[in-house]
């Protein structure tokens, strides 16, 4: 549980910095106007760098919410 909170805090902080707006666990590309297609690429590259990992092309399009990103990054670090 503590690991999930640490990952969530990192993701929220990084997204807020890239998108330059407040971000919550419920945020997604559908409900956050600042998270457009160009910013999505910036978000994904920033997450890859911060977490020292790489997303597949499929994940780049599927991971479009804070919750999905947190779950994927948490699972990737437990593996």
Protein backbone atom coordinates (compact mmCIF):
# COMPACT_ATOMS: atom_id res chain seq x y z
CA UNK A 1 0.00 0.00 0.00
CA UNK A 2 2.82 2.41 0.88
CA UNK A 3 4.45 1.73 -2.49
CA UNK A 4 1.20 2.61 -4.26
CA UNK A 5 1.01 5.94 -2.43
CA UNK A 6 4.63 6.76 -3.28
CA UNK A 7 4.02 5.98 -6.97
CA UNK A 8 0.78 7.95 -6.94
CA UNK A 9 2.49 10.98 -5.38
CA UNK A 10 5.26 10.87 -8.00
CA UNK A 11 2.76 10.55 -10.87
CA UNK A 12 0.55 13.38 -9.57
CA UNK A 13 3.54 15.65 -9.05
CA UNK A 14 4.99 14.94 -12.48
CA UNK A 15 1.67 15.40 -14.28
CA UNK A 16 1.01 18.68 -12.48
CA UNK A 17 4.44 19.93 -13.54
CA UNK A 18 4.07 18.87 -17.18
CA UNK A 19 0.44 19.94 -17.56
CA UNK A 20 0.88 23.09 -15.44
CA UNK A 21 -2.41 22.58 -13.65
CA UNK A 22 -3.79 20.74 -10.59
CA UNK A 23 -4.12 16.98 -11.10
CA UNK A 24 -6.05 14.46 -8.98
CA UNK A 25 -6.29 10.65 -8.89
CA UNK A 26 -9.56 10.98 -10.85
CA UNK A 27 -7.93 13.02 -13.64
CA UNK A 28 -7.77 11.67 -17.17
CA UNK A 29 -7.37 12.88 -20.73
CA UNK A 30 -11.18 12.93 -20.95
CA UNK A 31 -11.74 15.33 -18.06
CA UNK A 32 -8.59 17.48 -18.06
CA UNK A 33 -8.40 19.96 -20.94
CA UNK A 34 -4.67 20.58 -20.49
CA UNK A 35 -3.95 16.86 -21.12
CA UNK A 36 -4.15 16.98 -24.92
CA UNK A 37 -2.37 14.66 -27.36
CA UNK A 38 0.89 16.65 -27.38
CA UNK A 39 0.99 16.91 -23.60
CA UNK A 40 0.24 13.19 -23.39
CA UNK A 41 3.51 12.45 -25.20
CA UNK A 42 5.37 14.80 -22.85
CA UNK A 43 3.74 13.08 -19.85
CA UNK A 44 4.68 9.60 -21.06
CA UNK A 45 8.31 10.57 -21.81
CA UNK A 46 8.62 12.27 -18.42
CA UNK A 47 7.23 9.19 -16.65
CA UNK A 48 9.59 6.91 -18.58
CA UNK A 49 12.54 9.03 -17.52
CA UNK A 50 11.45 9.42 -13.90
CA UNK A 51 10.67 5.72 -13.42
CA UNK A 52 13.55 4.49 -15.64
CA UNK A 53 11.29 2.36 -17.83
CA UNK A 54 9.71 2.31 -21.27
CA UNK A 55 6.06 2.00 -22.31
CA UNK A 56 5.02 -0.07 -25.31
CA UNK A 57 3.27 1.67 -28.23
CA UNK A 58 0.01 0.07 -27.11
CA UNK A 59 0.45 1.43 -23.58
CA UNK A 60 1.13 4.92 -24.91
CA UNK A 61 -2.43 5.10 -26.19
CA UNK A 62 -4.13 3.08 -23.43
CA UNK A 63 -2.66 4.78 -20.36
CA UNK A 64 -4.81 7.89 -20.38
CA UNK A 65 -5.75 8.36 -16.72
CA UNK A 66 -3.84 8.93 -13.51
CA UNK A 67 -5.26 5.72 -12.05
CA UNK A 68 -4.15 3.61 -15.03
CA UNK A 69 -0.67 5.16 -14.96
CA UNK A 70 -0.27 4.55 -11.22
CA UNK A 71 -1.37 0.91 -11.54
CA UNK A 72 0.96 0.26 -14.49
CA UNK A 73 3.95 1.93 -12.85
CA UNK A 74 3.32 0.21 -9.51
CA UNK A 75 3.03 -3.18 -11.23
CA UNK A 76 6.17 -2.48 -13.27
CA UNK A 77 8.20 -1.77 -10.15
CA UNK A 78 6.97 -4.87 -8.30
CA UNK A 79 7.87 -7.20 -11.17
